[in-house]
Amino acid sequence: MTPDSLAAEVLSGNPRAVGRAITRVERGDDVAGLLAVLSPRTGAAQVLGVTGPPGAGKSTLVTRIAAAFRRQGKRVGIVAIDPSSPFSGGAILGDRIRMNELDSDPGVFIRSMATRGAMGGLSRATNDAVDVLDAAGFEVVVIETVGVGQDEVDVVRAADSVAVVVPPGLGDDIQALKAGILEIADLFVVNKADRDGADRTAAELQMNLDFSEHGGWRPPIVRTVATRGDGVGEVVEQFEAHRNHLAASGEARERRLRRSRARLRALLEAKFFRAVENDAHNPRGLEDAVARLTDRLVDPYSAADELFRRIAAG
């Protein structure tokens, strides 16, 4: 199927075409041709990020959030980033299995994507997948990160609003998390709030907020028990409140400008590294530079400058 014909099917909302398009962007098969058609039809979706440490209950919470938006009549796309299999490189699909109660709803599209070694909690193709879902008419797109810890900050470059899910019992570990994912939160969710330690966790978060700068939006703290659906309605309300704040303050465009800048930088870096690798075995290419650097015939900065000039010159 050509990029134009596939794009037409995506724009019509065909779920099979959406799945094929996301598979194509994961594989890197003529992504430019596909997105050239889809991109002008994107920008309407509310893109939400859900991140947090392992065991926080993110998948269950995302399931309940999706169900809440469905009750509002909105179509929901979910991009669940799973760890890569060490053997095949594919997604282990844990999130997809935990969200199976949504499978029968035609207004929900769920896709698990492998990290494939990407740092920051997201797959390299996450932004492209979000564009596909956006163009297909999903009003809400939820990105759930892989759940590897405090370095999952890339979600802030992909989502309009980010919820950081924190389970009870972290105690002093909250201070360790502060330098990572806690600083990207637009909303804190203390999930499993029926367990011991929930009060202390909420108090620790409140204390961190008291000593932090927030601009015009102070991240609220919502307590949930996602397995029962408790508090999920308030999470959705806070997402909506944050969306309204971004629109009223003008921050919505600023965020999207930052996201576009980060996306272009990532694409340019990837193109440059591919060019370096393709040129690696040519005379004065990467392998020659590596050998000369190892033999102390050149310093690393001069070697890098020479390679850059070579690639930039075409």
C-alpha atoms as a PDB file:
ATOM      1  CA  MET A   1       0.000   0.000   0.000  1.00  0.00           C
ATOM      2  CA  THR A   2       1.382   3.405  -0.972  1.00  0.00           C
ATOM      3  CA  PRO A   3       1.858   6.105   1.675  1.00  0.00           C
ATOM      4  CA  ASP A   4      -0.934   8.160   0.091  1.00  0.00           C
ATOM      5  CA  SER A   5      -3.456   5.320   0.102  1.00  0.00           C
ATOM      6  CA  LEU A   6      -2.534   4.269   3.633  1.00  0.00           C
ATOM      7  CA  ALA A   7      -2.817   7.862   4.820  1.00  0.00           C
ATOM      8  CA  ALA A   8      -6.269   8.128   3.251  1.00  0.00           C
ATOM      9  CA  GLU A   9      -7.396   5.053   5.167  1.00  0.00           C
ATOM     10  CA  VAL A  10      -5.944   6.444   8.406  1.00  0.00           C
ATOM     11  CA  LEU A  11      -7.762   9.749   7.890  1.00  0.00           C
ATOM     12  CA  SER A  12     -11.009   7.825   7.452  1.00  0.00           C
ATOM     13  CA  GLY A  13     -10.468   6.314  10.914  1.00  0.00           C
ATOM     14  CA  ASN A  14      -9.951   2.730   9.715  1.00  0.00           C
ATOM     15  CA  PRO A  15      -8.453   0.952  12.761  1.00  0.00           C
ATOM     16  CA  ARG A  16      -6.602  -1.618  10.657  1.00  0.00           C
ATOM     17  CA  ALA A  17      -4.986   1.167   8.662  1.00  0.00           C
ATOM     18  CA  VAL A  18      -4.033   2.911  11.917  1.00  0.00           C
ATOM     19  CA  GLY A  19      -2.333  -0.278  13.074  1.00  0.00           C
ATOM     20  CA  ARG A  20      -0.498  -0.695   9.762  1.00  0.00           C
ATOM     21  CA  ALA A  21       0.602   2.933   9.815  1.00  0.00           C
ATOM     22  CA  ILE A  22       2.042   2.626  13.326  1.00  0.00           C
ATOM     23  CA  THR A  23       3.830  -0.570  12.313  1.00  0.00           C
ATOM     24  CA  ARG A  24       5.297   1.338   9.374  1.00  0.00           C
ATOM     25  CA  VAL A  25       6.603   4.172  11.555  1.00  0.00           C
ATOM     26  CA  GLU A  26       8.082   1.664  14.011  1.00  0.00           C
ATOM     27  CA  ARG A  27       9.970  -0.005  11.180  1.00  0.00           C
ATOM     28  CA  GLY A  28      10.915   3.291   9.564  1.00  0.00           C
ATOM     29  CA  ASP A  29       9.309   2.314   6.233  1.00  0.00           C
ATOM     30  CA  ASP A  30       8.765   5.483   4.174  1.00  0.00           C
ATOM     31  CA  VAL A  31       7.691   7.403   7.280  1.00  0.00           C
ATOM     32  CA  ALA A  32       8.356  10.741   5.589  1.00  0.00           C
ATOM     33  CA  GLY A  33       5.871  10.024   2.805  1.00  0.00           C
ATOM     34  CA  LEU A  34       3.180   8.940   5.248  1.00  0.00           C
ATOM     35  CA  LEU A  35       3.590  11.863   7.649  1.00  0.00           C
ATOM     36  CA  ALA A  36       3.770  14.362   4.808  1.00  0.00           C
ATOM     37  CA  VAL A  37       0.095  13.570   4.213  1.00  0.00           C
ATOM     38  CA  LEU A  38      -0.959  13.107   7.842  1.00  0.00           C
ATOM     39  CA  SER A  39       0.835  16.005   9.550  1.00  0.00           C
ATOM     40  CA  PRO A  40      -1.434  18.796   8.213  1.00  0.00           C
ATOM     41  CA  ARG A  41      -4.351  16.941   9.798  1.00  0.00           C
ATOM     42  CA  THR A  42      -2.806  16.716  13.277  1.00  0.00           C
ATOM     43  CA  GLY A  43      -2.824  19.049  16.264  1.00  0.00           C
ATOM     44  CA  ALA A  44      -6.381  18.553  17.502  1.00  0.00           C
ATOM     45  CA  ALA A  45      -5.756  15.703  19.940  1.00  0.00           C
ATOM     46  CA  GLN A  46      -5.190  16.244  23.653  1.00  0.00           C
ATOM     47  CA  VAL A  47      -1.945  14.361  24.286  1.00  0.00           C
ATOM     48  CA  LEU A  48      -1.501  13.151  27.859  1.00  0.00           C
ATOM     49  CA  GLY A  49       1.542  11.520  29.413  1.00  0.00           C
ATOM     50  CA  VAL A  50       1.440   9.106  32.332  1.00  0.00           C
ATOM     51  CA  THR A  51       4.755   8.213  33.923  1.00  0.00           C
ATOM     52  CA  GLY A  52       6.133   7.063  37.257  1.00  0.00           C
ATOM     53  CA  PRO A  53       8.209   4.365  38.915  1.00  0.00           C
ATOM     54  CA  PRO A  54       7.535   0.644  38.476  1.00  0.00           C
ATOM     55  CA  GLY A  55       4.657  -0.707  40.533  1.00  0.00           C
ATOM     56  CA  ALA A  56       2.793   2.592  40.657  1.00  0.00           C
ATOM     57  CA  GLY A  57      -0.226   1.142  38.844  1.00  0.00           C
ATOM     58  CA  LYS A  58       0.122   3.210  35.675  1.00  0.00           C
ATOM     59  CA  SER A  59      -1.541   0.714  33.337  1.00  0.00           C
ATOM     60  CA  THR A  60      -4.610   0.318  35.524  1.00  0.00           C
ATOM     61  CA  LEU A  61      -4.872   4.079  35.898  1.00  0.00           C
ATOM     62  CA  VAL A  62      -4.568   4.614  32.130  1.00  0.00           C
ATOM     63  CA  THR A  63      -7.325   2.058  31.590  1.00  0.00           C
ATOM     64  CA  ARG A  64      -9.635   3.954  33.976  1.00  0.00           C
ATOM     65  CA  ILE A  65      -8.718   7.312  32.440  1.00  0.00           C
ATOM     66  CA  ALA A  66      -9.538   5.994  28.971  1.00  0.00           C
ATOM     67  CA  ALA A  67     -12.888   4.668  30.215  1.00  0.00           C
ATOM     68  CA  ALA A  68     -13.681   8.070  31.762  1.00  0.00           C
ATOM     69  CA  PHE A  69     -12.994   9.888  28.494  1.00  0.00           C
ATOM     70  CA  ARG A  70     -15.078   7.309  26.631  1.00  0.00           C
ATOM     71  CA  ARG A  71     -18.025   8.156  28.881  1.00  0.00           C
ATOM     72  CA  GLN A  72     -17.628  11.706  27.574  1.00  0.00           C
ATOM     73  CA  GLY A  73     -17.969  10.335  24.045  1.00  0.00           C
ATOM     74  CA  LYS A  74     -14.319  10.905  23.108  1.00  0.00           C
ATOM     75  CA  ARG A  75     -12.250   8.424  21.128  1.00  0.00           C
ATOM     76  CA  VAL A  76      -9.061   7.457  22.939  1.00  0.00           C
ATOM     77  CA  GLY A  77      -5.744   6.230  21.580  1.00  0.00           C
ATOM     78  CA  ILE A  78      -3.211   4.659  23.936  1.00  0.00           C
ATOM     79  CA  VAL A  79       0.489   4.268  23.202  1.00  0.00           C
ATOM     80  CA  ALA A  80       1.883   1.998  25.902  1.00  0.00           C
ATOM     81  CA  ILE A  81       5.673   1.797  25.895  1.00  0.00           C
ATOM     82  CA  ASP A  82       6.824  -1.630  27.009  1.00  0.00           C
ATOM     83  CA  PRO A  83      10.337  -2.936  27.660  1.00  0.00           C
ATOM     84  CA  SER A  84      12.017  -4.527  24.657  1.00  0.00           C
ATOM     85  CA  SER A  85      12.547  -8.254  24.544  1.00  0.00           C
ATOM     86  CA  PRO A  86      16.276  -8.945  24.889  1.00  0.00           C
ATOM     87  CA  PHE A  87      15.916 -11.600  22.163  1.00  0.00           C
ATOM     88  CA  SER A  88      13.609 -10.189  19.475  1.00  0.00           C
ATOM     89  CA  GLY A  89      13.710  -6.467  20.281  1.00  0.00           C
ATOM     90  CA  GLY A  90       9.901  -6.436  20.294  1.00  0.00           C
ATOM     91  CA  ALA A  91       7.557  -5.205  22.989  1.00  0.00           C
ATOM     92  CA  ILE A  92       6.806  -7.656  25.784  1.00  0.00           C
ATOM     93  CA  LEU A  93       3.184  -6.404  25.645  1.00  0.00           C
ATOM     94  CA  GLY A  94       2.550  -6.371  29.388  1.00  0.00           C
ATOM     95  CA  ASP A  95       0.530  -3.163  29.190  1.00  0.00           C
ATOM     96  CA  ARG A  96      -1.642  -4.470  26.359  1.00  0.00           C
ATOM     97  CA  ILE A  97      -2.528  -7.533  28.406  1.00  0.00           C
ATOM     98  CA  ARG A  98      -3.417  -5.449  31.470  1.00  0.00           C
ATOM     99  CA  MET A  99      -5.675  -3.210  29.363  1.00  0.00           C
ATOM    100  CA  ASN A 100      -7.594  -6.040  27.722  1.00  0.00           C
ATOM    101  CA  GLU A 101     -10.901  -4.881  29.200  1.00  0.00           C
ATOM    102  CA  LEU A 102     -10.815  -2.029  26.663  1.00  0.00           C
ATOM    103  CA  ASP A 103     -10.258  -4.295  23.664  1.00  0.00           C
ATOM    104  CA  SER A 104     -13.960  -4.649  22.876  1.00  0.00           C
ATOM    105  CA  ASP A 105     -14.487  -0.867  22.717  1.00  0.00           C
ATOM    106  CA  PRO A 106     -14.225   0.342  19.086  1.00  0.00           C
ATOM    107  CA  GLY A 107     -13.600   3.869  20.379  1.00  0.00           C
ATOM    108  CA  VAL A 108     -10.295   2.843  21.977  1.00  0.00           C
ATOM    109  CA  PHE A 109      -7.123   1.960  20.099  1.00  0.00           C
ATOM    110  CA  ILE A 110      -4.243   0.464  22.104  1.00  0.00           C
ATOM    111  CA  ARG A 111      -0.748  -0.032  20.792  1.00  0.00           C
ATOM    112  CA  SER A 112       2.225  -1.394  22.716  1.00  0.00           C
ATOM    113  CA  MET A 113       5.574  -0.236  21.413  1.00  0.00           C
ATOM    114  CA  ALA A 114       9.041  -1.439  22.308  1.00  0.00           C
ATOM    115  CA  THR A 115      11.649   0.975  23.619  1.00  0.00           C
ATOM    116  CA  ARG A 116      14.262  -0.703  21.385  1.00  0.00           C
ATOM    117  CA  GLY A 117      17.002   0.675  23.585  1.00  0.00           C
ATOM    118  CA  ALA A 118      15.756   4.265  23.624  1.00  0.00           C
ATOM    119  CA  MET A 119      16.384   6.088  26.888  1.00  0.00           C
ATOM    120  CA  GLY A 120      13.905   8.381  28.591  1.00  0.00           C
ATOM    121  CA  GLY A 121      11.000   5.943  28.845  1.00  0.00           C
ATOM    122  CA  LEU A 122       9.699   6.321  25.280  1.00  0.00           C
ATOM    123  CA  SER A 123      10.048   4.493  21.997  1.00  0.00           C
ATOM    124  CA  ARG A 124      11.833   6.346  19.205  1.00  0.00           C
ATOM    125  CA  ALA A 125       8.640   6.189  17.118  1.00  0.00           C
ATOM    126  CA  THR A 126       6.322   7.496  19.846  1.00  0.00           C
ATOM    127  CA  ASN A 127       5.794  10.956  18.337  1.00  0.00           C
ATOM    128  CA  ASP A 128       5.035   9.471  14.932  1.00  0.00           C
ATOM    129  CA  ALA A 129       2.505   7.061  16.456  1.00  0.00           C
ATOM    130  CA  VAL A 130       0.824   9.952  18.265  1.00  0.00           C
ATOM    131  CA  ASP A 131       0.568  11.801  14.937  1.00  0.00           C
ATOM    132  CA  VAL A 132      -1.096   8.773  13.335  1.00  0.00           C
ATOM    133  CA  LEU A 133      -3.684   8.550  16.116  1.00  0.00           C
ATOM    134  CA  ASP A 134      -4.222  12.315  16.060  1.00  0.00           C
ATOM    135  CA  ALA A 135      -4.806  12.304  12.296  1.00  0.00           C
ATOM    136  CA  ALA A 136      -7.170   9.336  12.650  1.00  0.00           C
ATOM    137  CA  GLY A 137      -9.472  11.471  14.792  1.00  0.00           C
ATOM    138  CA  PHE A 138      -8.723  10.301  18.318  1.00  0.00           C
ATOM    139  CA  GLU A 139      -9.565  13.256  20.539  1.00  0.00           C
ATOM    140  CA  VAL A 140      -7.402  11.999  23.407  1.00  0.00           C
ATOM    141  CA  VAL A 141      -4.054  10.204  23.089  1.00  0.00           C
ATOM    142  CA  VAL A 142      -2.472   8.792  26.243  1.00  0.00           C
ATOM    143  CA  ILE A 143       1.219   7.889  26.351  1.00  0.00           C
ATOM    144  CA  GLU A 144       2.226   5.514  29.128  1.00  0.00           C
ATOM    145  CA  THR A 145       5.977   5.292  29.671  1.00  0.00           C
ATOM    146  CA  VAL A 146       7.858   2.086  30.237  1.00  0.00           C
ATOM    147  CA  GLY A 147       8.303   2.507  33.994  1.00  0.00           C
ATOM    148  CA  VAL A 148      12.041   2.293  34.469  1.00  0.00           C
ATOM    149  CA  GLY A 149      12.586   5.060  36.976  1.00  0.00           C
ATOM    150  CA  GLN A 150      13.500   8.704  37.343  1.00  0.00           C
ATOM    151  CA  ASP A 151      15.062   9.195  33.884  1.00  0.00           C
ATOM    152  CA  GLU A 152      11.689   9.037  32.117  1.00  0.00           C
ATOM    153  CA  VAL A 153      11.561  12.701  31.226  1.00  0.00           C
ATOM    154  CA  ASP A 154      11.172  12.468  27.441  1.00  0.00           C
ATOM    155  CA  VAL A 155       7.408  12.258  27.872  1.00  0.00           C
ATOM    156  CA  VAL A 156       7.331  16.001  28.591  1.00  0.00           C
ATOM    157  CA  ARG A 157       8.535  16.532  24.999  1.00  0.00           C
ATOM    158  CA  ALA A 158       5.690  14.435  23.613  1.00  0.00           C
ATOM    159  CA  ALA A 159       2.650  15.328  25.748  1.00  0.00           C
ATOM    160  CA  ASP A 160       0.604  18.442  26.466  1.00  0.00           C
ATOM    161  CA  SER A 161       0.074  17.440  30.098  1.00  0.00           C
ATOM    162  CA  VAL A 162       2.004  14.939  32.214  1.00  0.00           C
ATOM    163  CA  ALA A 163       0.776  13.014  35.243  1.00  0.00           C
ATOM    164  CA  VAL A 164       3.420  11.506  37.510  1.00  0.00           C
ATOM    165  CA  VAL A 165       2.025   8.504  39.366  1.00  0.00           C
ATOM    166  CA  VAL A 166       3.588   7.877  42.768  1.00  0.00           C
ATOM    167  CA  PRO A 167       2.738   4.854  44.920  1.00  0.00           C
ATOM    168  CA  PRO A 168       2.684   4.966  48.722  1.00  0.00           C
ATOM    169  CA  GLY A 169       5.727   3.850  50.640  1.00  0.00           C
ATOM    170  CA  LEU A 170       8.440   5.626  48.691  1.00  0.00           C
ATOM    171  CA  GLY A 171       9.335   7.661  51.767  1.00  0.00           C
ATOM    172  CA  ASP A 172      12.742   9.252  51.412  1.00  0.00           C
ATOM    173  CA  ASP A 173      12.950   7.932  47.836  1.00  0.00           C
ATOM    174  CA  ILE A 174      10.777  10.874  46.809  1.00  0.00           C
ATOM    175  CA  GLN A 175      13.783  13.110  47.386  1.00  0.00           C
ATOM    176  CA  ALA A 176      15.820  10.922  45.048  1.00  0.00           C
ATOM    177  CA  LEU A 177      13.107  11.168  42.410  1.00  0.00           C
ATOM    178  CA  LYS A 178      12.903  14.951  42.693  1.00  0.00           C
ATOM    179  CA  ALA A 179      15.743  15.554  40.266  1.00  0.00           C
ATOM    180  CA  GLY A 180      14.009  13.390  37.666  1.00  0.00           C
ATOM    181  CA  ILE A 181      10.386  12.749  36.911  1.00  0.00           C
ATOM    182  CA  LEU A 182       8.932  14.819  39.766  1.00  0.00           C
ATOM    183  CA  GLU A 183      10.039  18.030  38.070  1.00  0.00           C
ATOM    184  CA  ILE A 184       8.075  17.372  34.874  1.00  0.00           C
ATOM    185  CA  ALA A 185       4.703  16.825  36.573  1.00  0.00           C
ATOM    186  CA  ASP A 186       1.642  18.885  35.730  1.00  0.00           C
ATOM    187  CA  LEU A 187      -0.343  16.594  37.988  1.00  0.00           C
ATOM    188  CA  PHE A 188       0.633  14.189  40.757  1.00  0.00           C
ATOM    189  CA  VAL A 189      -1.373  11.030  41.320  1.00  0.00           C
ATOM    190  CA  VAL A 190      -0.903   9.137  44.563  1.00  0.00           C
ATOM    191  CA  ASN A 191      -2.274   5.802  43.408  1.00  0.00           C
ATOM    192  CA  LYS A 192      -3.087   2.871  45.696  1.00  0.00           C
ATOM    193  CA  ALA A 193      -4.159   5.528  48.185  1.00  0.00           C
ATOM    194  CA  ASP A 194      -5.911   2.924  50.337  1.00  0.00           C
ATOM    195  CA  ARG A 195      -2.524   1.575  51.435  1.00  0.00           C
ATOM    196  CA  ASP A 196      -0.397   2.578  54.378  1.00  0.00           C
ATOM    197  CA  GLY A 197       1.936   5.443  53.616  1.00  0.00           C
ATOM    198  CA  ALA A 198      -0.386   7.308  51.225  1.00  0.00           C
ATOM    199  CA  ASP A 199      -0.755  10.249  53.634  1.00  0.00           C
ATOM    200  CA  ARG A 200       2.996  10.557  54.058  1.00  0.00           C
ATOM    201  CA  THR A 201       3.563  10.341  50.296  1.00  0.00           C
ATOM    202  CA  ALA A 202       1.040  13.108  49.647  1.00  0.00           C
ATOM    203  CA  ALA A 203       2.611  15.233  52.403  1.00  0.00           C
ATOM    204  CA  GLU A 204       6.108  14.735  50.946  1.00  0.00           C
ATOM    205  CA  LEU A 205       4.885  15.796  47.530  1.00  0.00           C
ATOM    206  CA  GLN A 206       3.140  18.824  49.027  1.00  0.00           C
ATOM    207  CA  MET A 207       6.356  19.807  50.793  1.00  0.00           C
ATOM    208  CA  ASN A 208       8.336  19.548  47.570  1.00  0.00           C
ATOM    209  CA  LEU A 209       5.784  21.761  45.841  1.00  0.00           C
ATOM    210  CA  ASP A 210       6.006  24.339  48.621  1.00  0.00           C
ATOM    211  CA  PHE A 211       9.721  24.748  47.953  1.00  0.00           C
ATOM    212  CA  SER A 212       9.500  24.730  44.147  1.00  0.00           C
ATOM    213  CA  GLU A 213       8.622  27.277  41.490  1.00  0.00           C
ATOM    214  CA  HIS A 214       5.537  26.530  39.418  1.00  0.00           C
ATOM    215  CA  GLY A 215       4.787  29.581  37.317  1.00  0.00           C
ATOM    216  CA  GLY A 216       1.077  30.016  36.828  1.00  0.00           C
ATOM    217  CA  TRP A 217       0.173  26.380  37.463  1.00  0.00           C
ATOM    218  CA  ARG A 218       0.752  24.532  40.725  1.00  0.00           C
ATOM    219  CA  PRO A 219       0.513  20.785  40.096  1.00  0.00           C
ATOM    220  CA  PRO A 220      -2.419  19.351  42.070  1.00  0.00           C
ATOM    221  CA  ILE A 221      -2.120  16.127  44.040  1.00  0.00           C
ATOM    222  CA  VAL A 222      -4.905  13.613  43.446  1.00  0.00           C
ATOM    223  CA  ARG A 223      -5.369  10.401  45.400  1.00  0.00           C
ATOM    224  CA  THR A 224      -6.682   7.402  43.500  1.00  0.00           C
ATOM    225  CA  VAL A 225      -7.395   3.730  43.884  1.00  0.00           C
ATOM    226  CA  ALA A 226      -7.346   2.881  40.203  1.00  0.00           C
ATOM    227  CA  THR A 227      -8.427  -0.732  40.695  1.00  0.00           C
ATOM    228  CA  ARG A 228     -11.744   0.575  42.031  1.00  0.00           C
ATOM    229  CA  GLY A 229     -11.890   3.699  39.894  1.00  0.00           C
ATOM    230  CA  ASP A 230     -11.721   5.957  42.956  1.00  0.00           C
ATOM    231  CA  GLY A 231     -10.406   9.440  42.191  1.00  0.00           C
ATOM    232  CA  VAL A 232     -10.070   8.833  38.444  1.00  0.00           C
ATOM    233  CA  GLY A 233     -12.772  11.377  37.657  1.00  0.00           C
ATOM    234  CA  GLU A 234     -10.742  14.041  39.467  1.00  0.00           C
ATOM    235  CA  VAL A 235      -7.638  13.087  37.463  1.00  0.00           C
ATOM    236  CA  VAL A 236      -9.559  13.682  34.241  1.00  0.00           C
ATOM    237  CA  GLU A 237     -10.902  16.976  35.607  1.00  0.00           C
ATOM    238  CA  GLN A 238      -7.376  18.136  36.442  1.00  0.00           C
ATOM    239  CA  PHE A 239      -6.145  17.203  32.980  1.00  0.00           C
ATOM    240  CA  GLU A 240      -8.943  19.332  31.553  1.00  0.00           C
ATOM    241  CA  ALA A 241      -8.147  22.180  33.958  1.00  0.00           C
ATOM    242  CA  HIS A 242      -4.504  22.095  32.889  1.00  0.00           C
ATOM    243  CA  ARG A 243      -5.503  22.131  29.238  1.00  0.00           C
ATOM    244  CA  ASN A 244      -7.649  25.233  29.883  1.00  0.00           C
ATOM    245  CA  HIS A 245      -4.758  26.866  31.749  1.00  0.00           C
ATOM    246  CA  LEU A 246      -2.373  26.259  28.851  1.00  0.00           C
ATOM    247  CA  ALA A 247      -4.829  27.754  26.390  1.00  0.00           C
ATOM    248  CA  ALA A 248      -5.614  30.811  28.530  1.00  0.00           C
ATOM    249  CA  SER A 249      -1.983  31.561  29.406  1.00  0.00           C
ATOM    250  CA  GLY A 250      -0.534  31.031  25.947  1.00  0.00           C
ATOM    251  CA  GLU A 251       1.677  28.211  27.252  1.00  0.00           C
ATOM    252  CA  ALA A 252       0.062  25.705  24.896  1.00  0.00           C
ATOM    253  CA  ARG A 253       1.903  27.125  21.888  1.00  0.00           C
ATOM    254  CA  GLU A 254       5.137  27.481  23.858  1.00  0.00           C
ATOM    255  CA  ARG A 255       4.991  23.812  24.807  1.00  0.00           C
ATOM    256  CA  ARG A 256       4.289  22.754  21.255  1.00  0.00           C
ATOM    257  CA  LEU A 257       7.176  24.884  20.007  1.00  0.00           C
ATOM    258  CA  ARG A 258       9.498  23.145  22.485  1.00  0.00           C
ATOM    259  CA  ARG A 259       8.160  19.756  21.396  1.00  0.00           C
ATOM    260  CA  SER A 260       8.673  20.573  17.720  1.00  0.00           C
ATOM    261  CA  ARG A 261      12.202  21.829  18.390  1.00  0.00           C
ATOM    262  CA  ALA A 262      13.121  18.683  20.337  1.00  0.00           C
ATOM    263  CA  ARG A 263      11.629  16.469  17.642  1.00  0.00           C
ATOM    264  CA  LEU A 264      13.550  18.188  14.853  1.00  0.00           C
ATOM    265  CA  ARG A 265      16.785  18.005  16.851  1.00  0.00           C
ATOM    266  CA  ALA A 266      16.273  14.269  17.373  1.00  0.00           C
ATOM    267  CA  LEU A 267      15.610  13.708  13.660  1.00  0.00           C
ATOM    268  CA  LEU A 268      18.655  15.754  12.662  1.00  0.00           C
ATOM    269  CA  GLU A 269      20.860  13.878  15.114  1.00  0.00           C
ATOM    270  CA  ALA A 270      19.589  10.544  13.791  1.00  0.00           C
ATOM    271  CA  LYS A 271      20.246  11.612  10.181  1.00  0.00           C
ATOM    272  CA  PHE A 272      23.767  12.750  11.052  1.00  0.00           C
ATOM    273  CA  PHE A 273      24.611   9.523  12.891  1.00  0.00           C
ATOM    274  CA  ARG A 274      23.280   7.455   9.980  1.00  0.00           C
ATOM    275  CA  ALA A 275      25.454   9.477   7.609  1.00  0.00           C
ATOM    276  CA  VAL A 276      28.494   8.895   9.826  1.00  0.00           C
ATOM    277  CA  GLU A 277      27.797   5.152   9.978  1.00  0.00           C
ATOM    278  CA  ASN A 278      27.243   4.917   6.213  1.00  0.00           C
ATOM    279  CA  ASP A 279      30.574   6.643   5.665  1.00  0.00           C
ATOM    280  CA  ALA A 280      32.335   4.649   8.381  1.00  0.00           C
ATOM    281  CA  HIS A 281      34.535   2.428   6.202  1.00  0.00           C
ATOM    282  CA  ASN A 282      35.496   5.023   3.604  1.00  0.00           C
ATOM    283  CA  PRO A 283      38.966   6.610   3.745  1.00  0.00           C
ATOM    284  CA  ARG A 284      39.081   9.187   6.537  1.00  0.00           C
ATOM    285  CA  GLY A 285      35.697   7.888   7.720  1.00  0.00           C
ATOM    286  CA  LEU A 286      34.647   6.872  11.229  1.00  0.00           C
ATOM    287  CA  GLU A 287      36.703   3.688  11.444  1.00  0.00           C
ATOM    288  CA  ASP A 288      39.847   5.475  10.289  1.00  0.00           C
ATOM    289  CA  ALA A 289      39.189   8.243  12.841  1.00  0.00           C
ATOM    290  CA  VAL A 290      38.696   5.631  15.580  1.00  0.00           C
ATOM    291  CA  ALA A 291      42.007   3.965  14.701  1.00  0.00           C
ATOM    292  CA  ARG A 292      43.909   7.253  14.597  1.00  0.00           C
ATOM    293  CA  LEU A 293      42.393   8.317  17.910  1.00  0.00           C
ATOM    294  CA  THR A 294      43.318   4.978  19.492  1.00  0.00           C
ATOM    295  CA  ASP A 295      46.893   5.339  18.221  1.00  0.00           C
ATOM    296  CA  ARG A 296      47.031   8.904  19.610  1.00  0.00           C
ATOM    297  CA  LEU A 297      47.584  10.352  16.146  1.00  0.00           C
ATOM    298  CA  VAL A 298      44.736  12.807  16.647  1.00  0.00           C
ATOM    299  CA  ASP A 299      42.861  14.231  19.608  1.00  0.00           C
ATOM    300  CA  PRO A 300      39.113  13.436  19.992  1.00  0.00           C
ATOM    301  CA  TYR A 301      37.921  16.983  19.313  1.00  0.00           C
ATOM    302  CA  SER A 302      39.927  17.313  16.101  1.00  0.00           C
ATOM    303  CA  ALA A 303      38.706  13.892  14.962  1.00  0.00           C
ATOM    304  CA  ALA A 304      35.089  14.858  15.637  1.00  0.00           C
ATOM    305  CA  ASP A 305      35.537  18.210  13.838  1.00  0.00           C
ATOM    306  CA  GLU A 306      37.014  16.480  10.803  1.00  0.00           C
ATOM    307  CA  LEU A 307      34.183  13.944  10.635  1.00  0.00           C
ATOM    308  CA  PHE A 308      31.590  16.702  11.015  1.00  0.00           C
ATOM    309  CA  ARG A 309      33.101  18.757   8.199  1.00  0.00           C
ATOM    310  CA  ARG A 310      33.260  15.658   5.994  1.00  0.00           C
ATOM    311  CA  ILE A 311      29.608  14.738   6.544  1.00  0.00           C
ATOM    312  CA  ALA A 312      28.346  18.316   6.386  1.00  0.00           C
ATOM    313  CA  ALA A 313      30.100  18.760   3.049  1.00  0.00           C
ATOM    314  CA  GLY A 314      28.105  15.853   1.648  1.00  0.00           C
END
